[in-house]
Amino acid sequence: MKRILVAGCSGRLGHYVVEALKRGLCPNFYAFPEVSDQCDEAISADLTKVKSIRDVCESIDIVFSAAGASLDPKAIGDRSSYLSVDYLGNVNLLEEAKRSNVQRFVYVSVFGAQNYRLLTNADAHVRFVDDL
């Protein structure tokens, strides 16, 4: 059986995916017990901190990343978080996946992001897609 790591499982899409796949990574599972209950393995790690995600891809065949800063108006704070999470955090995860010889990396961007590069969050997604 393939082992799949789902990043961003505290978000709406990631929650649905991890429910089906059972292995999730999010910054703080204590804040999302309903998500961790769905996982066979729940990993609390911060994609923006390289040391935090060291070895999370060991024995993983596929990484599925829906990780990104929240667009929820209640959660919006520092707009630089889009660059640090949506772009740099996913770059960190991609590098860790490469280091662990992960076979496939799946990334969910924002629909039509390439048409909205003037928006900070869309630009961060497009930058990562370009790198990927």
N, C-alpha and C. Protein backbone atom coordinates (compact mmCIF):
# COMPACT_ATOMS: atom_id res chain seq x y z
N MET A 1 0.84 -1.17 0.00
CA MET A 1 0.00 0.00 0.00
C MET A 1 0.90 1.25 0.00
N LYS A 2 0.52 2.25 -0.79
CA LYS A 2 1.24 3.51 -0.85
C LYS A 2 1.05 4.30 0.44
N ARG A 3 2.10 4.93 0.90
CA ARG A 3 2.01 5.81 2.07
C ARG A 3 1.97 7.24 1.57
N ILE A 4 0.93 7.96 1.96
CA ILE A 4 0.70 9.31 1.47
C ILE A 4 0.67 10.28 2.65
N LEU A 5 1.45 11.34 2.55
CA LEU A 5 1.46 12.40 3.55
C LEU A 5 0.61 13.55 3.02
N VAL A 6 -0.37 13.99 3.81
CA VAL A 6 -1.23 15.11 3.44
C VAL A 6 -0.81 16.32 4.26
N ALA A 7 -0.30 17.35 3.60
CA ALA A 7 0.06 18.60 4.27
C ALA A 7 -1.10 19.57 4.13
N GLY A 8 -1.35 20.31 5.18
CA GLY A 8 -2.45 21.27 5.14
C GLY A 8 -3.78 20.65 5.52
N CYS A 9 -3.76 19.62 6.34
CA CYS A 9 -5.00 18.92 6.65
C CYS A 9 -5.89 19.66 7.65
N SER A 10 -5.44 20.80 8.15
CA SER A 10 -6.34 21.58 9.00
C SER A 10 -7.24 22.49 8.17
N GLY A 11 -6.96 22.60 6.88
CA GLY A 11 -7.81 23.37 5.98
C GLY A 11 -8.96 22.53 5.47
N ARG A 12 -9.88 23.16 4.79
CA ARG A 12 -11.10 22.47 4.33
C ARG A 12 -10.77 21.31 3.39
N LEU A 13 -10.02 21.55 2.32
CA LEU A 13 -9.70 20.49 1.36
C LEU A 13 -8.83 19.42 2.02
N GLY A 14 -7.79 19.85 2.71
CA GLY A 14 -6.90 18.90 3.36
C GLY A 14 -7.62 17.99 4.34
N HIS A 15 -8.60 18.55 5.05
CA HIS A 15 -9.38 17.75 6.01
C HIS A 15 -10.09 16.60 5.29
N TYR A 16 -10.70 16.88 4.16
CA TYR A 16 -11.39 15.84 3.41
C TYR A 16 -10.41 14.80 2.86
N VAL A 17 -9.26 15.26 2.41
CA VAL A 17 -8.28 14.34 1.84
C VAL A 17 -7.70 13.44 2.93
N VAL A 18 -7.34 14.02 4.07
CA VAL A 18 -6.75 13.20 5.13
C VAL A 18 -7.76 12.21 5.69
N GLU A 19 -9.01 12.57 5.68
CA GLU A 19 -10.05 11.64 6.13
C GLU A 19 -10.01 10.37 5.27
N ALA A 20 -9.72 10.55 4.00
CA ALA A 20 -9.66 9.40 3.10
C ALA A 20 -8.30 8.68 3.16
N LEU A 21 -7.23 9.43 3.43
CA LEU A 21 -5.89 8.85 3.33
C LEU A 21 -5.22 8.52 4.65
N LYS A 22 -5.65 9.16 5.74
CA LYS A 22 -5.27 8.78 7.10
C LYS A 22 -3.89 9.18 7.61
N ARG A 23 -3.12 10.01 6.91
CA ARG A 23 -1.82 10.47 7.44
C ARG A 23 -1.74 11.97 7.19
N GLY A 24 -1.65 12.76 8.25
CA GLY A 24 -1.72 14.20 8.07
C GLY A 24 -0.65 14.97 8.80
N LEU A 25 -0.36 16.16 8.26
CA LEU A 25 0.61 17.08 8.83
C LEU A 25 -0.03 18.45 8.91
N CYS A 26 -0.03 19.05 10.08
CA CYS A 26 -0.51 20.42 10.23
C CYS A 26 0.27 21.06 11.36
N PRO A 27 0.24 22.40 11.46
CA PRO A 27 1.07 23.06 12.46
C PRO A 27 0.76 22.66 13.90
N ASN A 28 -0.51 22.41 14.22
CA ASN A 28 -0.86 22.15 15.61
C ASN A 28 -2.11 21.29 15.69
N PHE A 29 -1.92 20.00 15.84
CA PHE A 29 -3.08 19.10 15.91
C PHE A 29 -3.89 19.29 17.18
N TYR A 30 -3.29 19.86 18.22
CA TYR A 30 -4.07 20.11 19.44
C TYR A 30 -5.21 21.08 19.15
N ALA A 31 -5.01 21.98 18.20
CA ALA A 31 -6.04 22.95 17.84
C ALA A 31 -7.11 22.35 16.93
N PHE A 32 -6.81 21.18 16.36
CA PHE A 32 -7.73 20.55 15.42
C PHE A 32 -7.95 19.07 15.77
N PRO A 33 -8.50 18.79 16.95
CA PRO A 33 -8.67 17.38 17.35
C PRO A 33 -9.57 16.60 16.41
N GLU A 34 -10.53 17.27 15.77
CA GLU A 34 -11.41 16.57 14.85
C GLU A 34 -10.66 16.07 13.62
N VAL A 35 -9.55 16.72 13.28
CA VAL A 35 -8.73 16.27 12.15
C VAL A 35 -7.81 15.14 12.60
N SER A 36 -7.15 15.31 13.74
CA SER A 36 -6.21 14.28 14.20
C SER A 36 -6.92 12.96 14.47
N ASP A 37 -8.19 13.04 14.86
CA ASP A 37 -8.96 11.81 15.08
C ASP A 37 -9.15 11.02 13.80
N GLN A 38 -9.06 11.69 12.65
CA GLN A 38 -9.24 11.04 11.35
C GLN A 38 -7.96 10.35 10.87
N CYS A 39 -6.83 10.68 11.50
CA CYS A 39 -5.53 10.21 11.01
C CYS A 39 -5.08 8.93 11.70
N ASP A 40 -4.45 8.07 10.95
CA ASP A 40 -3.72 6.96 11.55
C ASP A 40 -2.44 7.50 12.16
N GLU A 41 -1.88 8.51 11.53
CA GLU A 41 -0.67 9.17 12.03
C GLU A 41 -0.83 10.67 11.86
N ALA A 42 -0.81 11.41 12.96
CA ALA A 42 -0.94 12.86 12.94
C ALA A 42 0.40 13.48 13.30
N ILE A 43 0.93 14.31 12.41
CA ILE A 43 2.23 14.92 12.60
C ILE A 43 2.05 16.42 12.76
N SER A 44 2.45 16.95 13.90
CA SER A 44 2.42 18.40 14.11
C SER A 44 3.77 18.96 13.70
N ALA A 45 3.77 19.80 12.68
CA ALA A 45 5.01 20.39 12.18
C ALA A 45 4.68 21.68 11.45
N ASP A 46 5.64 22.57 11.40
CA ASP A 46 5.47 23.87 10.76
C ASP A 46 6.32 23.91 9.50
N LEU A 47 5.67 23.98 8.34
CA LEU A 47 6.39 23.96 7.06
C LEU A 47 7.37 25.11 6.92
N THR A 48 7.18 26.17 7.66
CA THR A 48 8.08 27.32 7.53
C THR A 48 9.38 27.11 8.31
N LYS A 49 9.46 26.05 9.09
CA LYS A 49 10.66 25.74 9.88
C LYS A 49 11.23 24.41 9.40
N VAL A 50 12.35 24.48 8.70
CA VAL A 50 12.95 23.30 8.08
C VAL A 50 13.19 22.19 9.10
N LYS A 51 13.70 22.54 10.28
CA LYS A 51 13.97 21.52 11.30
C LYS A 51 12.69 20.82 11.75
N SER A 52 11.58 21.53 11.72
CA SER A 52 10.30 20.99 12.15
C SER A 52 9.81 19.86 11.24
N ILE A 53 10.16 19.92 9.97
CA ILE A 53 9.66 18.91 9.02
C ILE A 53 10.72 17.88 8.63
N ARG A 54 11.86 17.95 9.28
CA ARG A 54 12.93 16.99 9.00
C ARG A 54 12.39 15.57 9.18
N ASP A 55 12.56 14.75 8.18
CA ASP A 55 12.20 13.32 8.18
C ASP A 55 10.69 13.04 8.09
N VAL A 56 9.83 14.05 7.90
CA VAL A 56 8.39 13.76 7.80
C VAL A 56 8.05 12.96 6.54
N CYS A 57 8.94 12.96 5.58
CA CYS A 57 8.67 12.24 4.32
C CYS A 57 9.34 10.88 4.27
N GLU A 58 10.02 10.47 5.34
CA GLU A 58 10.65 9.15 5.36
C GLU A 58 9.58 8.09 5.17
N SER A 59 9.85 7.14 4.30
CA SER A 59 8.93 6.02 4.00
C SER A 59 7.63 6.47 3.36
N ILE A 60 7.60 7.68 2.80
CA ILE A 60 6.41 8.21 2.13
C ILE A 60 6.57 8.01 0.62
N ASP A 61 5.51 7.59 -0.04
CA ASP A 61 5.52 7.42 -1.49
C ASP A 61 5.01 8.67 -2.21
N ILE A 62 4.01 9.32 -1.63
CA ILE A 62 3.36 10.48 -2.26
C ILE A 62 3.12 11.55 -1.21
N VAL A 63 3.44 12.80 -1.56
CA VAL A 63 3.09 13.94 -0.72
C VAL A 63 1.97 14.68 -1.45
N PHE A 64 0.90 14.96 -0.73
CA PHE A 64 -0.22 15.75 -1.24
C PHE A 64 -0.26 17.03 -0.41
N SER A 65 0.02 18.17 -1.05
CA SER A 65 0.03 19.42 -0.29
C SER A 65 -1.12 20.33 -0.67
N ALA A 66 -1.94 20.59 0.32
CA ALA A 66 -2.98 21.61 0.23
C ALA A 66 -2.65 22.69 1.26
N ALA A 67 -1.36 22.76 1.65
CA ALA A 67 -0.93 23.68 2.70
C ALA A 67 -0.90 25.11 2.19
N GLY A 68 -1.40 25.99 3.01
CA GLY A 68 -1.38 27.41 2.67
C GLY A 68 -1.95 28.22 3.81
N ALA A 69 -1.61 29.50 3.83
CA ALA A 69 -2.14 30.40 4.85
C ALA A 69 -3.64 30.56 4.64
N SER A 70 -4.35 30.75 5.71
CA SER A 70 -5.81 30.83 5.66
C SER A 70 -6.29 32.07 4.94
N LEU A 71 -7.38 31.92 4.19
CA LEU A 71 -8.06 33.06 3.57
C LEU A 71 -9.28 33.47 4.37
N ASP A 72 -9.51 32.79 5.48
CA ASP A 72 -10.63 33.12 6.35
C ASP A 72 -10.41 34.54 6.89
N PRO A 73 -11.36 35.45 6.68
CA PRO A 73 -11.19 36.83 7.15
C PRO A 73 -10.88 36.93 8.64
N LYS A 74 -11.35 35.98 9.44
CA LYS A 74 -11.06 35.99 10.87
C LYS A 74 -9.62 35.61 11.15
N ALA A 75 -8.98 34.90 10.23
CA ALA A 75 -7.62 34.41 10.45
C ALA A 75 -6.57 35.27 9.76
N ILE A 76 -6.97 36.20 8.93
CA ILE A 76 -6.01 37.00 8.19
C ILE A 76 -5.31 37.97 9.13
N GLY A 77 -4.02 37.91 9.11
CA GLY A 77 -3.20 38.82 9.91
C GLY A 77 -2.15 39.43 9.02
N ASP A 78 -0.94 39.02 9.23
CA ASP A 78 0.19 39.50 8.46
C ASP A 78 0.16 38.89 7.06
N ARG A 79 0.03 39.73 6.04
CA ARG A 79 -0.05 39.24 4.66
C ARG A 79 1.24 38.54 4.22
N SER A 80 2.35 38.75 4.91
CA SER A 80 3.60 38.08 4.54
C SER A 80 3.48 36.57 4.77
N SER A 81 2.46 36.13 5.53
CA SER A 81 2.30 34.70 5.77
C SER A 81 2.03 33.94 4.48
N TYR A 82 1.43 34.60 3.49
CA TYR A 82 1.21 33.91 2.21
C TYR A 82 2.53 33.51 1.59
N LEU A 83 3.49 34.41 1.60
CA LEU A 83 4.81 34.09 1.05
C LEU A 83 5.49 33.03 1.92
N SER A 84 5.42 33.18 3.24
CA SER A 84 6.15 32.25 4.10
C SER A 84 5.53 30.86 4.12
N VAL A 85 4.21 30.75 4.05
CA VAL A 85 3.57 29.43 4.09
C VAL A 85 3.31 28.90 2.69
N ASP A 86 2.54 29.64 1.88
CA ASP A 86 2.12 29.15 0.57
C ASP A 86 3.31 28.89 -0.35
N TYR A 87 4.31 29.75 -0.28
CA TYR A 87 5.47 29.56 -1.14
C TYR A 87 6.62 28.85 -0.41
N LEU A 88 7.23 29.54 0.55
CA LEU A 88 8.43 28.99 1.19
C LEU A 88 8.15 27.70 1.96
N GLY A 89 7.02 27.62 2.62
CA GLY A 89 6.69 26.39 3.34
C GLY A 89 6.57 25.20 2.41
N ASN A 90 5.92 25.40 1.27
CA ASN A 90 5.81 24.31 0.30
C ASN A 90 7.16 24.00 -0.35
N VAL A 91 8.01 25.01 -0.55
CA VAL A 91 9.37 24.75 -1.04
C VAL A 91 10.11 23.87 -0.04
N ASN A 92 10.00 24.20 1.24
CA ASN A 92 10.66 23.38 2.28
C ASN A 92 10.15 21.94 2.23
N LEU A 93 8.84 21.76 2.08
CA LEU A 93 8.28 20.42 2.03
C LEU A 93 8.74 19.69 0.77
N LEU A 94 8.80 20.38 -0.35
CA LEU A 94 9.28 19.77 -1.59
C LEU A 94 10.73 19.32 -1.45
N GLU A 95 11.56 20.15 -0.84
CA GLU A 95 12.98 19.78 -0.64
C GLU A 95 13.09 18.56 0.27
N GLU A 96 12.28 18.51 1.31
CA GLU A 96 12.29 17.34 2.20
C GLU A 96 11.80 16.10 1.46
N ALA A 97 10.81 16.25 0.60
CA ALA A 97 10.32 15.12 -0.20
C ALA A 97 11.41 14.62 -1.15
N LYS A 98 12.13 15.53 -1.77
CA LYS A 98 13.23 15.13 -2.66
C LYS A 98 14.31 14.39 -1.87
N ARG A 99 14.64 14.94 -0.69
CA ARG A 99 15.68 14.33 0.14
C ARG A 99 15.31 12.91 0.54
N SER A 100 14.01 12.67 0.70
CA SER A 100 13.52 11.34 1.10
C SER A 100 13.14 10.47 -0.09
N ASN A 101 13.42 10.94 -1.29
CA ASN A 101 13.13 10.18 -2.52
C ASN A 101 11.65 9.83 -2.68
N VAL A 102 10.79 10.79 -2.35
CA VAL A 102 9.35 10.62 -2.55
C VAL A 102 9.09 10.50 -4.05
N GLN A 103 8.25 9.56 -4.44
CA GLN A 103 7.98 9.30 -5.85
C GLN A 103 7.15 10.38 -6.53
N ARG A 104 6.21 10.97 -5.80
CA ARG A 104 5.29 11.93 -6.41
C ARG A 104 4.94 13.02 -5.41
N PHE A 105 4.85 14.26 -5.92
CA PHE A 105 4.46 15.41 -5.11
C PHE A 105 3.26 16.05 -5.79
N VAL A 106 2.12 16.07 -5.11
CA VAL A 106 0.89 16.64 -5.65
C VAL A 106 0.63 17.95 -4.91
N TYR A 107 0.35 19.00 -5.65
CA TYR A 107 0.14 20.32 -5.05
C TYR A 107 -1.17 20.92 -5.55
N VAL A 108 -1.96 21.44 -4.62
CA VAL A 108 -3.21 22.10 -4.96
C VAL A 108 -2.99 23.60 -4.84
N SER A 109 -3.12 24.29 -5.94
CA SER A 109 -2.95 25.74 -5.97
C SER A 109 -4.32 26.40 -5.92
N VAL A 110 -4.34 27.69 -6.19
CA VAL A 110 -5.58 28.46 -6.28
C VAL A 110 -6.03 28.44 -7.74
N PHE A 111 -7.30 28.13 -7.97
CA PHE A 111 -7.80 28.09 -9.34
C PHE A 111 -7.60 29.46 -10.01
N GLY A 112 -6.93 29.45 -11.16
CA GLY A 112 -6.72 30.67 -11.93
C GLY A 112 -5.71 31.63 -11.32
N ALA A 113 -4.87 31.14 -10.41
CA ALA A 113 -3.92 32.02 -9.71
C ALA A 113 -3.03 32.80 -10.67
N GLN A 114 -2.66 32.19 -11.78
CA GLN A 114 -1.78 32.86 -12.74
C GLN A 114 -2.40 34.14 -13.28
N ASN A 115 -3.71 34.27 -13.21
CA ASN A 115 -4.40 35.47 -13.69
C ASN A 115 -4.51 36.56 -12.63
N TYR A 116 -4.09 36.24 -11.41
CA TYR A 116 -4.26 37.19 -10.29
C TYR A 116 -2.96 37.40 -9.53
N ARG A 117 -1.85 37.49 -10.25
CA ARG A 117 -0.54 37.61 -9.60
C ARG A 117 -0.38 38.88 -8.79
N LEU A 118 -1.24 39.87 -9.00
CA LEU A 118 -1.16 41.09 -8.19
C LEU A 118 -1.64 40.84 -6.76
N LEU A 119 -2.37 39.75 -6.55
CA LEU A 119 -2.82 39.39 -5.20
C LEU A 119 -1.72 38.57 -4.53
N THR A 120 -1.38 38.94 -3.32
CA THR A 120 -0.27 38.32 -2.60
C THR A 120 -0.42 36.81 -2.49
N ASN A 121 -1.61 36.34 -2.13
CA ASN A 121 -1.76 34.89 -1.96
C ASN A 121 -1.69 34.15 -3.29
N ALA A 122 -2.26 34.69 -4.35
CA ALA A 122 -2.21 34.04 -5.66
C ALA A 122 -0.77 33.99 -6.17
N ASP A 123 -0.04 35.08 -6.00
CA ASP A 123 1.35 35.13 -6.45
C ASP A 123 2.20 34.08 -5.74
N ALA A 124 1.98 33.90 -4.45
CA ALA A 124 2.75 32.90 -3.70
C ALA A 124 2.51 31.50 -4.27
N HIS A 125 1.27 31.19 -4.61
CA HIS A 125 0.96 29.88 -5.20
C HIS A 125 1.62 29.72 -6.57
N VAL A 126 1.54 30.73 -7.39
CA VAL A 126 2.13 30.66 -8.74
C VAL A 126 3.65 30.50 -8.65
N ARG A 127 4.27 31.18 -7.72
CA ARG A 127 5.72 31.04 -7.53
C ARG A 127 6.09 29.62 -7.20
N PHE A 128 5.30 28.98 -6.34
CA PHE A 128 5.62 27.59 -6.00
C PHE A 128 5.38 26.67 -7.19
N VAL A 129 4.30 26.88 -7.91
CA VAL A 129 4.02 26.07 -9.11
C VAL A 129 5.18 26.20 -10.10
N ASP A 130 5.69 27.42 -10.27
CA ASP A 130 6.85 27.62 -11.15
C ASP A 130 8.04 26.79 -10.68
N ASP A 131 8.29 26.75 -9.38
CA ASP A 131 9.40 25.96 -8.84
C ASP A 131 9.16 24.47 -9.00
N LEU A 132 7.91 24.07 -8.77
CA LEU A 132 7.58 22.65 -8.84
C LEU A 132 7.76 22.14 -10.27
